[in-house]
Amino acid sequence: MRLLVVVDYQHDFVDGSLGFAEAVALEKPICDKIRAYRENGDDVVYTMDTHEENYLETQEGRKLPVPHCRRGTPGWQLFGEASKELAGCRSFEKETFGSAALFSFLQQNLYDSIELVGVVSNICVISNAVLAKTARPEAEILVDARCTASNDARLNEMALKVMAGLQITVIS
């Protein structure tokens, strides 16, 4: 059985406070991939970066002092057509880069293949890919380079290389 994990495809990372053009361009390929997985009867889940009012008081907020993905705000919502394509799929809110709840879910579900797409490649995508590899070491973990990006092209390429070095299959 296969699983697609859409990582943090939310307004603040696409066209909001931390948005960037490359993230906007991912909308169609991500939506195409969601549809393909669902049409094949495979599972699709997604993560949502979720912060509270005290974000700037957290360690992440002190190191990245840009309020984003505050629960209930427009920036916290899923972006564009992906919000429709992900309707009815299981979600995992997370207050940090990797999702502990997603890790537990992966430990309990015997997927043969786990593919990750979304943003940001060098932060949340890589964090959750490593968690997936840890939770299911014998599953094939994939990241589609056409469906992930960073606001820094150099860090994006570096993250993809690091993931490949961790035996995560990078599709390009």
C-alpha atoms as a PDB file:
ATOM      1  CA  MET A   1       0.000   0.000   0.000  1.00  0.00           C
ATOM      2  CA  ARG A   2       1.176   3.520  -0.819  1.00  0.00           C
ATOM      3  CA  LEU A   3       0.865   6.805   1.059  1.00  0.00           C
ATOM      4  CA  LEU A   4       1.256  10.388  -0.140  1.00  0.00           C
ATOM      5  CA  VAL A   5       2.138  13.004   2.485  1.00  0.00           C
ATOM      6  CA  VAL A   6       1.532  16.628   1.462  1.00  0.00           C
ATOM      7  CA  VAL A   7       3.700  18.780   3.730  1.00  0.00           C
ATOM      8  CA  ASP A   8       2.524  22.248   4.812  1.00  0.00           C
ATOM      9  CA  TYR A   9       0.990  23.433   1.535  1.00  0.00           C
ATOM     10  CA  GLN A  10      -0.540  26.401   3.352  1.00  0.00           C
ATOM     11  CA  HIS A  11      -1.077  30.013   2.341  1.00  0.00           C
ATOM     12  CA  ASP A  12       1.669  31.453   4.537  1.00  0.00           C
ATOM     13  CA  PHE A  13       4.256  29.195   2.848  1.00  0.00           C
ATOM     14  CA  VAL A  14       2.894  29.730  -0.654  1.00  0.00           C
ATOM     15  CA  ASP A  15       1.634  33.298  -1.030  1.00  0.00           C
ATOM     16  CA  GLY A  16       1.728  34.638   2.541  1.00  0.00           C
ATOM     17  CA  SER A  17       4.323  35.826   5.024  1.00  0.00           C
ATOM     18  CA  LEU A  18       6.885  33.161   4.015  1.00  0.00           C
ATOM     19  CA  GLY A  19       5.612  32.587   0.478  1.00  0.00           C
ATOM     20  CA  PHE A  20       7.718  32.389  -2.669  1.00  0.00           C
ATOM     21  CA  ALA A  21       7.078  32.008  -6.397  1.00  0.00           C
ATOM     22  CA  GLU A  22       8.359  28.432  -6.620  1.00  0.00           C
ATOM     23  CA  ALA A  23       5.777  27.348  -4.017  1.00  0.00           C
ATOM     24  CA  VAL A  24       2.940  28.820  -6.085  1.00  0.00           C
ATOM     25  CA  ALA A  25       4.195  26.888  -9.122  1.00  0.00           C
ATOM     26  CA  LEU A  26       3.851  23.589  -7.204  1.00  0.00           C
ATOM     27  CA  GLU A  27       0.062  23.785  -7.059  1.00  0.00           C
ATOM     28  CA  LYS A  28      -0.735  21.880 -10.266  1.00  0.00           C
ATOM     29  CA  PRO A  29       1.851  19.087  -9.865  1.00  0.00           C
ATOM     30  CA  ILE A  30       0.861  18.554  -6.218  1.00  0.00           C
ATOM     31  CA  CYS A  31      -2.847  18.454  -7.101  1.00  0.00           C
ATOM     32  CA  ASP A  32      -2.171  16.064  -9.990  1.00  0.00           C
ATOM     33  CA  LYS A  33      -0.290  13.771  -7.626  1.00  0.00           C
ATOM     34  CA  ILE A  34      -3.061  13.881  -4.992  1.00  0.00           C
ATOM     35  CA  ARG A  35      -5.648  12.960  -7.646  1.00  0.00           C
ATOM     36  CA  ALA A  36      -3.485  10.118  -8.981  1.00  0.00           C
ATOM     37  CA  TYR A  37      -3.023   8.611  -5.514  1.00  0.00           C
ATOM     38  CA  ARG A  38      -6.726   8.892  -4.680  1.00  0.00           C
ATOM     39  CA  GLU A  39      -7.806   7.460  -8.057  1.00  0.00           C
ATOM     40  CA  ASN A  40      -5.475   4.507  -7.456  1.00  0.00           C
ATOM     41  CA  GLY A  41      -7.052   3.856  -4.044  1.00  0.00           C
ATOM     42  CA  ASP A  42      -3.913   4.848  -2.155  1.00  0.00           C
ATOM     43  CA  ASP A  43      -3.920   6.934   1.005  1.00  0.00           C
ATOM     44  CA  VAL A  44      -3.261  10.675   1.155  1.00  0.00           C
ATOM     45  CA  VAL A  45      -2.568  12.667   4.329  1.00  0.00           C
ATOM     46  CA  TYR A  46      -1.231  16.144   4.948  1.00  0.00           C
ATOM     47  CA  THR A  47       0.574  18.144   7.607  1.00  0.00           C
ATOM     48  CA  MET A  48      -0.276  21.644   8.742  1.00  0.00           C
ATOM     49  CA  ASP A  49       2.266  23.889  10.381  1.00  0.00           C
ATOM     50  CA  THR A  50       0.294  25.236  13.336  1.00  0.00           C
ATOM     51  CA  HIS A  51       1.339  28.010  15.680  1.00  0.00           C
ATOM     52  CA  GLU A  52      -0.394  29.863  18.478  1.00  0.00           C
ATOM     53  CA  GLU A  53      -0.396  33.514  19.503  1.00  0.00           C
ATOM     54  CA  ASN A  54       2.825  33.020  21.502  1.00  0.00           C
ATOM     55  CA  TYR A  55       4.817  31.942  18.420  1.00  0.00           C
ATOM     56  CA  LEU A  56       7.395  34.736  18.775  1.00  0.00           C
ATOM     57  CA  GLU A  57       8.116  33.505  22.327  1.00  0.00           C
ATOM     58  CA  THR A  58       8.998  29.992  21.143  1.00  0.00           C
ATOM     59  CA  GLN A  59      12.488  28.884  20.125  1.00  0.00           C
ATOM     60  CA  GLU A  60      11.418  28.731  16.481  1.00  0.00           C
ATOM     61  CA  GLY A  61       9.847  32.182  16.746  1.00  0.00           C
ATOM     62  CA  ARG A  62      13.018  33.653  18.198  1.00  0.00           C
ATOM     63  CA  LYS A  63      15.097  32.134  15.376  1.00  0.00           C
ATOM     64  CA  LEU A  64      12.546  32.862  12.630  1.00  0.00           C
ATOM     65  CA  PRO A  65      10.699  35.968  13.852  1.00  0.00           C
ATOM     66  CA  VAL A  66       8.086  35.934  11.086  1.00  0.00           C
ATOM     67  CA  PRO A  67       4.607  35.114  12.385  1.00  0.00           C
ATOM     68  CA  HIS A  68       3.049  32.442  10.174  1.00  0.00           C
ATOM     69  CA  CYS A  69       0.496  29.646  10.151  1.00  0.00           C
ATOM     70  CA  ARG A  70      -1.277  30.886  13.269  1.00  0.00           C
ATOM     71  CA  ARG A  71      -4.206  28.568  13.932  1.00  0.00           C
ATOM     72  CA  GLY A  72      -7.433  29.827  12.390  1.00  0.00           C
ATOM     73  CA  THR A  73      -5.886  32.611  10.291  1.00  0.00           C
ATOM     74  CA  PRO A  74      -6.131  32.749   6.481  1.00  0.00           C
ATOM     75  CA  GLY A  75      -2.378  31.998   6.293  1.00  0.00           C
ATOM     76  CA  TRP A  76      -2.909  28.738   8.199  1.00  0.00           C
ATOM     77  CA  GLN A  77      -5.390  27.421   5.616  1.00  0.00           C
ATOM     78  CA  LEU A  78      -4.415  25.053   2.822  1.00  0.00           C
ATOM     79  CA  PHE A  79      -3.545  26.777  -0.447  1.00  0.00           C
ATOM     80  CA  GLY A  80      -5.708  26.877  -3.572  1.00  0.00           C
ATOM     81  CA  GLU A  81      -6.941  23.732  -5.295  1.00  0.00           C
ATOM     82  CA  ALA A  82      -4.978  21.590  -2.856  1.00  0.00           C
ATOM     83  CA  SER A  83      -7.509  22.535  -0.180  1.00  0.00           C
ATOM     84  CA  LYS A  84     -10.247  20.928  -2.305  1.00  0.00           C
ATOM     85  CA  GLU A  85      -8.161  17.909  -3.310  1.00  0.00           C
ATOM     86  CA  LEU A  86      -7.256  17.210   0.324  1.00  0.00           C
ATOM     87  CA  ALA A  87     -10.849  17.433   1.594  1.00  0.00           C
ATOM     88  CA  GLY A  88     -11.601  14.308   3.597  1.00  0.00           C
ATOM     89  CA  CYS A  89      -7.951  13.336   3.990  1.00  0.00           C
ATOM     90  CA  ARG A  90      -6.402  12.906   7.411  1.00  0.00           C
ATOM     91  CA  SER A  91      -4.407  15.882   8.674  1.00  0.00           C
ATOM     92  CA  PHE A  92      -1.611  16.225  11.199  1.00  0.00           C
ATOM     93  CA  GLU A  93      -1.153  19.600  12.876  1.00  0.00           C
ATOM     94  CA  LYS A  94       2.403  20.190  14.005  1.00  0.00           C
ATOM     95  CA  GLU A  95       4.020  22.942  16.037  1.00  0.00           C
ATOM     96  CA  THR A  96       7.504  22.214  14.803  1.00  0.00           C
ATOM     97  CA  PHE A  97       9.241  20.936  11.673  1.00  0.00           C
ATOM     98  CA  GLY A  98       8.507  17.220  12.024  1.00  0.00           C
ATOM     99  CA  SER A  99       5.197  15.697  13.060  1.00  0.00           C
ATOM    100  CA  ALA A 100       5.296  13.313  16.024  1.00  0.00           C
ATOM    101  CA  ALA A 101       1.694  12.313  15.258  1.00  0.00           C
ATOM    102  CA  LEU A 102       2.620  11.457  11.665  1.00  0.00           C
ATOM    103  CA  PHE A 103       5.532   9.366  12.970  1.00  0.00           C
ATOM    104  CA  SER A 104       3.157   7.389  15.231  1.00  0.00           C
ATOM    105  CA  PHE A 105       0.685   6.968  12.377  1.00  0.00           C
ATOM    106  CA  LEU A 106       3.438   5.603  10.125  1.00  0.00           C
ATOM    107  CA  GLN A 107       4.611   3.164  12.795  1.00  0.00           C
ATOM    108  CA  GLN A 108       1.070   1.780  13.051  1.00  0.00           C
ATOM    109  CA  ASN A 109       0.367   1.525   9.302  1.00  0.00           C
ATOM    110  CA  LEU A 110       2.353  -0.818   7.095  1.00  0.00           C
ATOM    111  CA  TYR A 111       2.915   1.234   3.959  1.00  0.00           C
ATOM    112  CA  ASP A 112       5.283  -0.170   1.345  1.00  0.00           C
ATOM    113  CA  SER A 113       5.855   3.288  -0.131  1.00  0.00           C
ATOM    114  CA  ILE A 114       5.638   6.749   1.426  1.00  0.00           C
ATOM    115  CA  GLU A 115       6.018   9.764  -0.846  1.00  0.00           C
ATOM    116  CA  LEU A 116       6.397  13.336   0.375  1.00  0.00           C
ATOM    117  CA  VAL A 117       5.652  16.559  -1.493  1.00  0.00           C
ATOM    118  CA  GLY A 118       5.179  20.160  -0.360  1.00  0.00           C
ATOM    119  CA  VAL A 119       7.176  22.896   1.291  1.00  0.00           C
ATOM    120  CA  VAL A 120       9.728  23.795   2.499  1.00  0.00           C
ATOM    121  CA  SER A 121      12.160  21.167   1.189  1.00  0.00           C
ATOM    122  CA  ASN A 122      15.089  22.039   3.445  1.00  0.00           C
ATOM    123  CA  ILE A 123      13.033  22.324   6.632  1.00  0.00           C
ATOM    124  CA  CYS A 124       9.706  20.494   6.998  1.00  0.00           C
ATOM    125  CA  VAL A 125       9.888  18.157   4.003  1.00  0.00           C
ATOM    126  CA  ILE A 126      13.302  16.800   4.986  1.00  0.00           C
ATOM    127  CA  SER A 127      12.284  16.569   8.664  1.00  0.00           C
ATOM    128  CA  ASN A 128       9.195  14.496   7.873  1.00  0.00           C
ATOM    129  CA  ALA A 129      11.039  12.377   5.298  1.00  0.00           C
ATOM    130  CA  VAL A 130      13.576  11.420   7.977  1.00  0.00           C
ATOM    131  CA  LEU A 131      10.738  10.630  10.394  1.00  0.00           C
ATOM    132  CA  ALA A 132       9.093   8.443   7.736  1.00  0.00           C
ATOM    133  CA  LYS A 133      12.391   6.610   7.132  1.00  0.00           C
ATOM    134  CA  THR A 134      12.759   6.093  10.882  1.00  0.00           C
ATOM    135  CA  ALA A 135       9.166   4.914  11.374  1.00  0.00           C
ATOM    136  CA  ARG A 136       9.198   2.555   8.361  1.00  0.00           C
ATOM    137  CA  PRO A 137      12.841   1.683   7.595  1.00  0.00           C
ATOM    138  CA  GLU A 138      11.914  -1.020   5.070  1.00  0.00           C
ATOM    139  CA  ALA A 139       9.391   1.097   3.168  1.00  0.00           C
ATOM    140  CA  GLU A 140      10.519   3.030   0.134  1.00  0.00           C
ATOM    141  CA  ILE A 141      10.530   6.705   1.079  1.00  0.00           C
ATOM    142  CA  LEU A 142      10.313   9.069  -1.895  1.00  0.00           C
ATOM    143  CA  VAL A 143      10.431  12.820  -2.404  1.00  0.00           C
ATOM    144  CA  ASP A 144       9.337  14.228  -5.751  1.00  0.00           C
ATOM    145  CA  ALA A 145      11.688  17.114  -6.556  1.00  0.00           C
ATOM    146  CA  ARG A 146       9.080  18.467  -9.012  1.00  0.00           C
ATOM    147  CA  CYS A 147       6.616  18.811  -6.133  1.00  0.00           C
ATOM    148  CA  THR A 148       8.765  20.418  -3.461  1.00  0.00           C
ATOM    149  CA  ALA A 149      10.700  23.663  -3.216  1.00  0.00           C
ATOM    150  CA  SER A 150      12.452  26.144  -0.985  1.00  0.00           C
ATOM    151  CA  ASN A 151      12.776  29.905  -1.079  1.00  0.00           C
ATOM    152  CA  ASP A 152      16.513  29.242  -1.447  1.00  0.00           C
ATOM    153  CA  ALA A 153      17.391  27.187  -4.564  1.00  0.00           C
ATOM    154  CA  ARG A 154      20.793  26.235  -3.147  1.00  0.00           C
ATOM    155  CA  LEU A 155      19.293  24.882   0.080  1.00  0.00           C
ATOM    156  CA  ASN A 156      16.658  23.042  -1.948  1.00  0.00           C
ATOM    157  CA  GLU A 157      19.354  21.220  -3.947  1.00  0.00           C
ATOM    158  CA  MET A 158      21.348  20.505  -0.804  1.00  0.00           C
ATOM    159  CA  ALA A 159      18.278  19.099   0.982  1.00  0.00           C
ATOM    160  CA  LEU A 160      17.505  16.810  -1.962  1.00  0.00           C
ATOM    161  CA  LYS A 161      21.113  15.548  -1.951  1.00  0.00           C
ATOM    162  CA  VAL A 162      21.046  14.949   1.811  1.00  0.00           C
ATOM    163  CA  MET A 163      17.773  13.030   1.495  1.00  0.00           C
ATOM    164  CA  ALA A 164      19.260  10.895  -1.295  1.00  0.00           C
ATOM    165  CA  GLY A 165      22.208  10.205   0.999  1.00  0.00           C
ATOM    166  CA  LEU A 166      19.750   8.993   3.635  1.00  0.00           C
ATOM    167  CA  GLN A 167      18.432   6.390   1.166  1.00  0.00           C
ATOM    168  CA  ILE A 168      15.334   8.442   0.386  1.00  0.00           C
ATOM    169  CA  THR A 169      14.530   8.131  -3.308  1.00  0.00           C
ATOM    170  CA  VAL A 170      14.476  11.568  -4.916  1.00  0.00           C
ATOM    171  CA  ILE A 171      12.355  11.616  -8.063  1.00  0.00           C
ATOM    172  CA  SER A 172      13.369  14.364 -10.482  1.00  0.00           C
END
